[in-house]
PDB file of N, CA and C in Angstrom:
ATOM      1  N   MET A   1     -46.668 -46.995  -3.104  1.00  0.00           N
ATOM      2  CA  MET A   1     -47.141 -47.882  -2.060  1.00  0.00           C
ATOM      3  C   MET A   1     -46.271 -49.133  -2.066  1.00  0.00           C
ATOM      4  N   GLU A   2     -46.184 -49.761  -0.915  1.00  0.00           N
ATOM      5  CA  GLU A   2     -45.393 -50.972  -0.772  1.00  0.00           C
ATOM      6  C   GLU A   2     -46.132 -52.159  -1.368  1.00  0.00           C
ATOM      7  N   ASP A   3     -45.365 -53.220  -1.684  1.00  0.00           N
ATOM      8  CA  ASP A   3     -45.993 -54.437  -2.177  1.00  0.00           C
ATOM      9  C   ASP A   3     -47.007 -54.928  -1.159  1.00  0.00           C
ATOM     10  N   GLY A   4     -48.161 -55.368  -1.641  1.00  0.00           N
ATOM     11  CA  GLY A   4     -49.187 -55.908  -0.777  1.00  0.00           C
ATOM     12  C   GLY A   4     -50.127 -54.870  -0.187  1.00  0.00           C
ATOM     13  N   GLU A   5     -49.828 -53.599  -0.358  1.00  0.00           N
ATOM     14  CA  GLU A   5     -50.728 -52.577   0.138  1.00  0.00           C
ATOM     15  C   GLU A   5     -51.845 -52.353  -0.868  1.00  0.00           C
ATOM     16  N   SER A   6     -52.955 -51.948  -0.371  1.00  0.00           N
ATOM     17  CA  SER A   6     -54.124 -51.723  -1.211  1.00  0.00           C
ATOM     18  C   SER A   6     -53.871 -50.559  -2.155  1.00  0.00           C
ATOM     19  N   GLU A   7     -54.397 -50.665  -3.343  1.00  0.00           N
ATOM     20  CA  GLU A   7     -54.329 -49.568  -4.295  1.00  0.00           C
ATOM     21  C   GLU A   7     -55.522 -48.638  -4.143  1.00  0.00           C
ATOM     22  N   ALA A   8     -56.422 -48.966  -3.222  1.00  0.00           N
ATOM     23  CA  ALA A   8     -57.578 -48.096  -2.996  1.00  0.00           C
ATOM     24  C   ALA A   8     -57.074 -46.751  -2.502  1.00  0.00           C
ATOM     25  N   ARG A   9     -57.393 -45.736  -3.223  1.00  0.00           N
ATOM     26  CA  ARG A   9     -56.978 -44.387  -2.854  1.00  0.00           C
ATOM     27  C   ARG A   9     -58.189 -43.482  -2.930  1.00  0.00           C
ATOM     28  N   PRO A  10     -58.283 -42.546  -1.985  1.00  0.00           N
ATOM     29  CA  PRO A  10     -59.361 -41.580  -2.080  1.00  0.00           C
ATOM     30  C   PRO A  10     -59.337 -40.903  -3.438  1.00  0.00           C
ATOM     31  N   GLY A  11     -60.486 -40.668  -3.987  1.00  0.00           N
ATOM     32  CA  GLY A  11     -60.575 -40.017  -5.284  1.00  0.00           C
ATOM     33  C   GLY A  11     -60.837 -40.988  -6.410  1.00  0.00           C
ATOM     34  N   CYS A  12     -60.772 -42.294  -6.150  1.00  0.00           N
ATOM     35  CA  CYS A  12     -61.051 -43.255  -7.207  1.00  0.00           C
ATOM     36  C   CYS A  12     -62.543 -43.220  -7.533  1.00  0.00           C
ATOM     37  N   ALA A  13     -62.923 -43.790  -8.655  1.00  0.00           N
ATOM     38  CA  ALA A  13     -64.307 -43.723  -9.122  1.00  0.00           C
ATOM     39  C   ALA A  13     -65.290 -44.287  -8.105  1.00  0.00           C
ATOM     40  N   GLY A  14     -64.933 -45.383  -7.458  1.00  0.00           N
ATOM     41  CA  GLY A  14     -65.821 -45.980  -6.469  1.00  0.00           C
ATOM     42  C   GLY A  14     -66.045 -45.068  -5.284  1.00  0.00           C
ATOM     43  N   GLU A  15     -64.978 -44.419  -4.830  1.00  0.00           N
ATOM     44  CA  GLU A  15     -65.131 -43.500  -3.705  1.00  0.00           C
ATOM     45  C   GLU A  15     -65.935 -42.275  -4.112  1.00  0.00           C
ATOM     46  N   ARG A  16     -65.685 -41.780  -5.305  1.00  0.00           N
ATOM     47  CA  ARG A  16     -66.420 -40.609  -5.796  1.00  0.00           C
ATOM     48  C   ARG A  16     -67.920 -40.888  -5.806  1.00  0.00           C
ATOM     49  N   ALA A  17     -68.311 -42.066  -6.272  1.00  0.00           N
ATOM     50  CA  ALA A  17     -69.725 -42.442  -6.299  1.00  0.00           C
ATOM     51  C   ALA A  17     -70.289 -42.531  -4.881  1.00  0.00           C
ATOM     52  N   GLU A  18     -69.506 -43.077  -3.961  1.00  0.00           N
ATOM     53  CA  GLU A  18     -69.959 -43.193  -2.572  1.00  0.00           C
ATOM     54  C   GLU A  18     -70.081 -41.823  -1.913  1.00  0.00           C
ATOM     55  N   VAL A  19     -69.145 -40.929  -2.191  1.00  0.00           N
ATOM     56  CA  VAL A  19     -69.235 -39.565  -1.663  1.00  0.00           C
ATOM     57  C   VAL A  19     -70.509 -38.905  -2.164  1.00  0.00           C
ATOM     58  N   LEU A  20     -70.784 -39.036  -3.444  1.00  0.00           N
ATOM     59  CA  LEU A  20     -72.002 -38.433  -3.993  1.00  0.00           C
ATOM     60  C   LEU A  20     -73.252 -39.047  -3.375  1.00  0.00           C
ATOM     61  N   ARG A  21     -73.248 -40.352  -3.187  1.00  0.00           N
ATOM     62  CA  ARG A  21     -74.414 -41.020  -2.588  1.00  0.00           C
ATOM     63  C   ARG A  21     -74.654 -40.498  -1.171  1.00  0.00           C
ATOM     64  N   ARG A  22     -73.603 -40.463  -0.363  1.00  0.00           N
ATOM     65  CA  ARG A  22     -73.745 -40.001   1.025  1.00  0.00           C
ATOM     66  C   ARG A  22     -74.158 -38.541   1.112  1.00  0.00           C
ATOM     67  N   THR A  23     -73.531 -37.700   0.303  1.00  0.00           N
ATOM     68  CA  THR A  23     -73.834 -36.269   0.397  1.00  0.00           C
ATOM     69  C   THR A  23     -75.234 -35.971  -0.119  1.00  0.00           C
ATOM     70  N   GLN A  24     -75.706 -36.713  -1.101  1.00  0.00           N
ATOM     71  CA  GLN A  24     -77.069 -36.489  -1.579  1.00  0.00           C
ATOM     72  C   GLN A  24     -78.074 -36.781  -0.467  1.00  0.00           C
ATOM     73  N   VAL A  25     -77.841 -37.843   0.282  1.00  0.00           N
ATOM     74  CA  VAL A  25     -78.731 -38.172   1.398  1.00  0.00           C
ATOM     75  C   VAL A  25     -78.608 -37.118   2.497  1.00  0.00           C
ATOM     76  N   ARG A  26     -77.370 -36.784   2.850  1.00  0.00           N
ATOM     77  CA  ARG A  26     -77.112 -35.861   3.958  1.00  0.00           C
ATOM     78  C   ARG A  26     -77.546 -34.429   3.645  1.00  0.00           C
ATOM     79  N   ASP A  27     -77.257 -33.953   2.419  1.00  0.00           N
ATOM     80  CA  ASP A  27     -77.424 -32.533   2.111  1.00  0.00           C
ATOM     81  C   ASP A  27     -78.678 -32.192   1.310  1.00  0.00           C
ATOM     82  N   GLU A  28     -79.509 -33.158   1.031  1.00  0.00           N
ATOM     83  CA  GLU A  28     -80.718 -32.893   0.237  1.00  0.00           C
ATOM     84  C   GLU A  28     -81.562 -31.791   0.873  1.00  0.00           C
ATOM     85  N   ARG A  29     -81.737 -31.852   2.169  1.00  0.00           N
ATOM     86  CA  ARG A  29     -82.562 -30.849   2.858  1.00  0.00           C
ATOM     87  C   ARG A  29     -81.919 -29.463   2.771  1.00  0.00           C
ATOM     88  N   VAL A  30     -80.601 -29.405   2.846  1.00  0.00           N
ATOM     89  CA  VAL A  30     -79.891 -28.119   2.822  1.00  0.00           C
ATOM     90  C   VAL A  30     -79.989 -27.461   1.451  1.00  0.00           C
ATOM     91  N   PHE A  31     -79.782 -28.251   0.378  1.00  0.00           N
ATOM     92  CA  PHE A  31     -79.718 -27.689  -0.973  1.00  0.00           C
ATOM     93  C   PHE A  31     -81.024 -27.828  -1.763  1.00  0.00           C
ATOM     94  N   GLY A  32     -82.008 -28.531  -1.223  1.00  0.00           N
ATOM     95  CA  GLY A  32     -83.314 -28.587  -1.859  1.00  0.00           C
ATOM     96  C   GLY A  32     -83.595 -29.820  -2.685  1.00  0.00           C
ATOM     97  N   SER A  33     -82.566 -30.447  -3.247  1.00  0.00           N
ATOM     98  CA  SER A  33     -82.785 -31.676  -4.019  1.00  0.00           C
ATOM     99  C   SER A  33     -81.467 -32.430  -4.154  1.00  0.00           C
ATOM    100  N   ARG A  34     -81.586 -33.712  -4.408  1.00  0.00           N
ATOM    101  CA  ARG A  34     -80.376 -34.527  -4.606  1.00  0.00           C
ATOM    102  C   ARG A  34     -79.634 -34.106  -5.862  1.00  0.00           C
ATOM    103  N   GLU A  35     -80.365 -33.698  -6.879  1.00  0.00           N
ATOM    104  CA  GLU A  35     -79.722 -33.276  -8.127  1.00  0.00           C
ATOM    105  C   GLU A  35     -78.861 -32.031  -7.911  1.00  0.00           C
ATOM    106  N   VAL A  36     -79.357 -31.085  -7.126  1.00  0.00           N
ATOM    107  CA  VAL A  36     -78.579 -29.876  -6.838  1.00  0.00           C
ATOM    108  C   VAL A  36     -77.317 -30.250  -6.047  1.00  0.00           C
ATOM    109  N   VAL A  37     -77.454 -31.160  -5.095  1.00  0.00           N
ATOM    110  CA  VAL A  37     -76.289 -31.617  -4.324  1.00  0.00           C
ATOM    111  C   VAL A  37     -75.272 -32.253  -5.261  1.00  0.00           C
ATOM    112  N   ARG A  38     -75.726 -33.156  -6.145  1.00  0.00           N
ATOM    113  CA  ARG A  38     -74.823 -33.833  -7.075  1.00  0.00           C
ATOM    114  C   ARG A  38     -74.108 -32.818  -7.964  1.00  0.00           C
ATOM    115  N   GLU A  39     -74.850 -31.869  -8.512  1.00  0.00           N
ATOM    116  CA  GLU A  39     -74.251 -30.858  -9.386  1.00  0.00           C
ATOM    117  C   GLU A  39     -73.216 -30.024  -8.634  1.00  0.00           C
ATOM    118  N   ARG A  40     -73.541 -29.641  -7.421  1.00  0.00           N
ATOM    119  CA  ARG A  40     -72.629 -28.810  -6.624  1.00  0.00           C
ATOM    120  C   ARG A  40     -71.337 -29.559  -6.308  1.00  0.00           C
ATOM    121  N   TYR A  41     -71.473 -30.810  -5.894  1.00  0.00           N
ATOM    122  CA  TYR A  41     -70.283 -31.605  -5.563  1.00  0.00           C
ATOM    123  C   TYR A  41     -69.467 -31.913  -6.814  1.00  0.00           C
ATOM    124  N   ALA A  42     -70.133 -32.234  -7.919  1.00  0.00           N
ATOM    125  CA  ALA A  42     -69.414 -32.557  -9.153  1.00  0.00           C
ATOM    126  C   ALA A  42     -68.681 -31.334  -9.705  1.00  0.00           C
ATOM    127  N   ALA A  43     -69.252 -30.149  -9.529  1.00  0.00           N
ATOM    128  CA  ALA A  43     -68.658 -28.938 -10.094  1.00  0.00           C
ATOM    129  C   ALA A  43     -67.615 -28.294  -9.184  1.00  0.00           C
ATOM    130  N   ARG A  44     -67.766 -28.467  -7.875  1.00  0.00           N
ATOM    131  CA  ARG A  44     -66.892 -27.717  -6.979  1.00  0.00           C
ATOM    132  C   ARG A  44     -66.096 -28.581  -6.004  1.00  0.00           C
ATOM    133  N   TYR A  45     -66.781 -29.334  -5.182  1.00  0.00           N
ATOM    134  CA  TYR A  45     -66.113 -30.014  -4.073  1.00  0.00           C
ATOM    135  C   TYR A  45     -65.213 -31.158  -4.518  1.00  0.00           C
ATOM    136  N   LEU A  46     -65.680 -32.019  -5.385  1.00  0.00           N
ATOM    137  CA  LEU A  46     -64.844 -33.144  -5.828  1.00  0.00           C
ATOM    138  C   LEU A  46     -63.632 -32.673  -6.628  1.00  0.00           C
ATOM    139  N   PRO A  47     -63.781 -31.725  -7.571  1.00  0.00           N
ATOM    140  CA  PRO A  47     -62.576 -31.216  -8.248  1.00  0.00           C
ATOM    141  C   PRO A  47     -61.606 -30.538  -7.277  1.00  0.00           C
ATOM    142  N   GLY A  48     -62.131 -29.860  -6.257  1.00  0.00           N
ATOM    143  CA  GLY A  48     -61.269 -29.243  -5.254  1.00  0.00           C
ATOM    144  C   GLY A  48     -60.469 -30.277  -4.480  1.00  0.00           C
ATOM    145  N   GLN A  49     -61.114 -31.397  -4.144  1.00  0.00           N
ATOM    146  CA  GLN A  49     -60.409 -32.479  -3.460  1.00  0.00           C
ATOM    147  C   GLN A  49     -59.326 -33.070  -4.353  1.00  0.00           C
ATOM    148  N   GLU A  50     -59.643 -33.261  -5.619  1.00  0.00           N
ATOM    149  CA  GLU A  50     -58.664 -33.819  -6.558  1.00  0.00           C
ATOM    150  C   GLU A  50     -57.466 -32.890  -6.720  1.00  0.00           C
ATOM    151  N   LEU A  51     -57.706 -31.598  -6.803  1.00  0.00           N
ATOM    152  CA  LEU A  51     -56.626 -30.620  -6.923  1.00  0.00           C
ATOM    153  C   LEU A  51     -55.736 -30.654  -5.680  1.00  0.00           C
ATOM    154  N   TYR A  52     -56.360 -30.668  -4.504  1.00  0.00           N
ATOM    155  CA  TYR A  52     -55.597 -30.740  -3.256  1.00  0.00           C
ATOM    156  C   TYR A  52     -54.740 -32.000  -3.222  1.00  0.00           C
ATOM    157  N   ARG A  53     -55.320 -33.136  -3.552  1.00  0.00           N
ATOM    158  CA  ARG A  53     -54.573 -34.401  -3.507  1.00  0.00           C
ATOM    159  C   ARG A  53     -53.414 -34.396  -4.499  1.00  0.00           C
ATOM    160  N   ALA A  54     -53.623 -33.803  -5.662  1.00  0.00           N
ATOM    161  CA  ALA A  54     -52.562 -33.763  -6.674  1.00  0.00           C
ATOM    162  C   ALA A  54     -51.421 -32.837  -6.244  1.00  0.00           C
ATOM    163  N   GLN A  55     -51.753 -31.710  -5.645  1.00  0.00           N
ATOM    164  CA  GLN A  55     -50.722 -30.734  -5.284  1.00  0.00           C
ATOM    165  C   GLN A  55     -50.060 -31.037  -3.941  1.00  0.00           C
ATOM    166  N   ALA A  56     -50.845 -31.382  -2.933  1.00  0.00           N
ATOM    167  CA  ALA A  56     -50.297 -31.585  -1.585  1.00  0.00           C
ATOM    168  C   ALA A  56     -49.821 -33.017  -1.353  1.00  0.00           C
ATOM    169  N   ARG A  57     -50.313 -33.961  -2.141  1.00  0.00           N
ATOM    170  CA  ARG A  57     -49.945 -35.375  -2.035  1.00  0.00           C
ATOM    171  C   ARG A  57     -50.002 -35.871  -0.585  1.00  0.00           C
ATOM    172  N   PRO A  58     -51.151 -35.712   0.077  1.00  0.00           N
ATOM    173  CA  PRO A  58     -51.239 -36.073   1.495  1.00  0.00           C
ATOM    174  C   PRO A  58     -51.005 -37.562   1.768  1.00  0.00           C
ATOM    175  N   LEU A  59     -51.355 -38.432   0.841  1.00  0.00           N
ATOM    176  CA  LEU A  59     -51.134 -39.865   1.068  1.00  0.00           C
ATOM    177  C   LEU A  59     -49.657 -40.218   1.090  1.00  0.00           C
ATOM    178  N   ASP A  60     -48.855 -39.473   0.353  1.00  0.00           N
ATOM    179  CA  ASP A  60     -47.415 -39.722   0.350  1.00  0.00           C
ATOM    180  C   ASP A  60     -46.744 -39.208   1.626  1.00  0.00           C
ATOM    181  N   ARG A  61     -47.401 -38.299   2.318  1.00  0.00           N
ATOM    182  CA  ARG A  61     -46.813 -37.671   3.496  1.00  0.00           C
ATOM    183  C   ARG A  61     -47.363 -38.226   4.805  1.00  0.00           C
ATOM    184  N   ALA A  62     -48.448 -38.951   4.736  1.00  0.00           N
ATOM    185  CA  ALA A  62     -49.125 -39.425   5.946  1.00  0.00           C
ATOM    186  C   ALA A  62     -48.374 -40.571   6.611  1.00  0.00           C
ATOM    187  N   ASP A  63     -48.400 -40.585   7.928  1.00  0.00           N
ATOM    188  CA  ASP A  63     -47.839 -41.704   8.684  1.00  0.00           C
ATOM    189  C   ASP A  63     -48.815 -42.874   8.708  1.00  0.00           C
ATOM    190  N   VAL A  64     -50.099 -42.569   8.795  1.00  0.00           N
ATOM    191  CA  VAL A  64     -51.140 -43.599   8.834  1.00  0.00           C
ATOM    192  C   VAL A  64     -52.197 -43.230   7.807  1.00  0.00           C
ATOM    193  N   VAL A  65     -52.631 -44.216   7.015  1.00  0.00           N
ATOM    194  CA  VAL A  65     -53.685 -44.007   6.027  1.00  0.00           C
ATOM    195  C   VAL A  65     -54.808 -44.985   6.340  1.00  0.00           C
ATOM    196  N   LEU A  66     -56.021 -44.450   6.474  1.00  0.00           N
ATOM    197  CA  LEU A  66     -57.185 -45.274   6.754  1.00  0.00           C
ATOM    198  C   LEU A  66     -58.125 -45.257   5.566  1.00  0.00           C
ATOM    199  N   ASP A  67     -58.750 -46.382   5.297  1.00  0.00           N
ATOM    200  CA  ASP A  67     -59.816 -46.477   4.311  1.00  0.00           C
ATOM    201  C   ASP A  67     -61.119 -46.433   5.101  1.00  0.00           C
ATOM    202  N   LEU A  68     -61.887 -45.365   4.917  1.00  0.00           N
ATOM    203  CA  LEU A  68     -63.143 -45.193   5.639  1.00  0.00           C
ATOM    204  C   LEU A  68     -64.343 -45.353   4.721  1.00  0.00           C
ATOM    205  N   THR A  69     -64.178 -46.157   3.666  1.00  0.00           N
ATOM    206  CA  THR A  69     -65.283 -46.404   2.757  1.00  0.00           C
ATOM    207  C   THR A  69     -66.499 -46.886   3.546  1.00  0.00           C
ATOM    208  N   ASP A  70     -66.262 -47.784   4.493  1.00  0.00           N
ATOM    209  CA  ASP A  70     -67.309 -48.218   5.421  1.00  0.00           C
ATOM    210  C   ASP A  70     -66.917 -47.653   6.783  1.00  0.00           C
ATOM    211  N   PRO A  71     -67.524 -46.548   7.212  1.00  0.00           N
ATOM    212  CA  PRO A  71     -67.116 -45.905   8.458  1.00  0.00           C
ATOM    213  C   PRO A  71     -67.232 -46.807   9.689  1.00  0.00           C
ATOM    214  N   LEU A  72     -68.057 -47.814   9.621  1.00  0.00           N
ATOM    215  CA  LEU A  72     -68.193 -48.732  10.755  1.00  0.00           C
ATOM    216  C   LEU A  72     -67.108 -49.802  10.770  1.00  0.00           C
ATOM    217  N   ARG A  73     -66.352 -49.922   9.680  1.00  0.00           N
ATOM    218  CA  ARG A  73     -65.270 -50.907   9.582  1.00  0.00           C
ATOM    219  C   ARG A  73     -64.050 -50.282   8.924  1.00  0.00           C
ATOM    220  N   PRO A  74     -63.409 -49.348   9.599  1.00  0.00           N
ATOM    221  CA  PRO A  74     -62.214 -48.716   8.997  1.00  0.00           C
ATOM    222  C   PRO A  74     -61.096 -49.737   8.806  1.00  0.00           C
ATOM    223  N   THR A  75     -60.311 -49.524   7.763  1.00  0.00           N
ATOM    224  CA  THR A  75     -59.201 -50.411   7.437  1.00  0.00           C
ATOM    225  C   THR A  75     -57.917 -49.590   7.380  1.00  0.00           C
ATOM    226  N   VAL A  76     -56.867 -50.082   8.028  1.00  0.00           N
ATOM    227  CA  VAL A  76     -55.569 -49.419   7.952  1.00  0.00           C
ATOM    228  C   VAL A  76     -54.907 -49.847   6.653  1.00  0.00           C
ATOM    229  N   LEU A  77     -54.612 -48.880   5.790  1.00  0.00           N
ATOM    230  CA  LEU A  77     -53.936 -49.169   4.526  1.00  0.00           C
ATOM    231  C   LEU A  77     -52.426 -49.089   4.685  1.00  0.00           C
ATOM    232  N   ARG A  78     -51.968 -48.210   5.573  1.00  0.00           N
ATOM    233  CA  ARG A  78     -50.540 -48.058   5.802  1.00  0.00           C
ATOM    234  C   ARG A  78     -50.329 -47.504   7.202  1.00  0.00           C
ATOM    235  N   ARG A  79     -49.298 -47.989   7.861  1.00  0.00           N
ATOM    236  CA  ARG A  79     -48.925 -47.472   9.180  1.00  0.00           C
ATOM    237  C   ARG A  79     -47.416 -47.358   9.245  1.00  0.00           C
ATOM    238  N   PRO A  80     -46.913 -46.609  10.205  1.00  0.00           N
ATOM    239  CA  PRO A  80     -45.456 -46.444  10.295  1.00  0.00           C
ATOM    240  C   PRO A  80     -44.737 -47.773  10.535  1.00  0.00           C
ATOM    241  N   ASP A  81     -43.540 -47.861   9.982  1.00  0.00           N
ATOM    242  CA  ASP A  81     -42.684 -49.035  10.244  1.00  0.00           C
ATOM    243  C   ASP A  81     -42.224 -48.960  11.692  1.00  0.00           C
ATOM    244  N   ARG A  82     -42.453 -50.004  12.443  1.00  0.00           N
ATOM    245  CA  ARG A  82     -42.133 -49.979  13.868  1.00  0.00           C
ATOM    246  C   ARG A  82     -40.816 -50.664  14.199  1.00  0.00           C
ATOM    247  N   SER A  83     -39.983 -50.932  13.210  1.00  0.00           N
ATOM    248  CA  SER A  83     -38.719 -51.630  13.484  1.00  0.00           C
ATOM    249  C   SER A  83     -37.636 -50.729  13.986  1.00  0.00           C
TER     250      SER A  83
END
């Protein structure tokens, strides 16, 4: 990342906790309990995301990177150089 750009990257501990919080609320009805949702995401979905990010390195290839931690206030972390 360039100087002055945020080090916030998807997959960090704070984002992982937020993903679990949101999915527990959203998917509780589907999976029967928040604990089942947490276990499922911790065992399968989050490790799958980490593997994809490590192998495909999408942040290194993206033209624009958005931080959607707060979906109502997205933040541009990186955009193409327009010079």
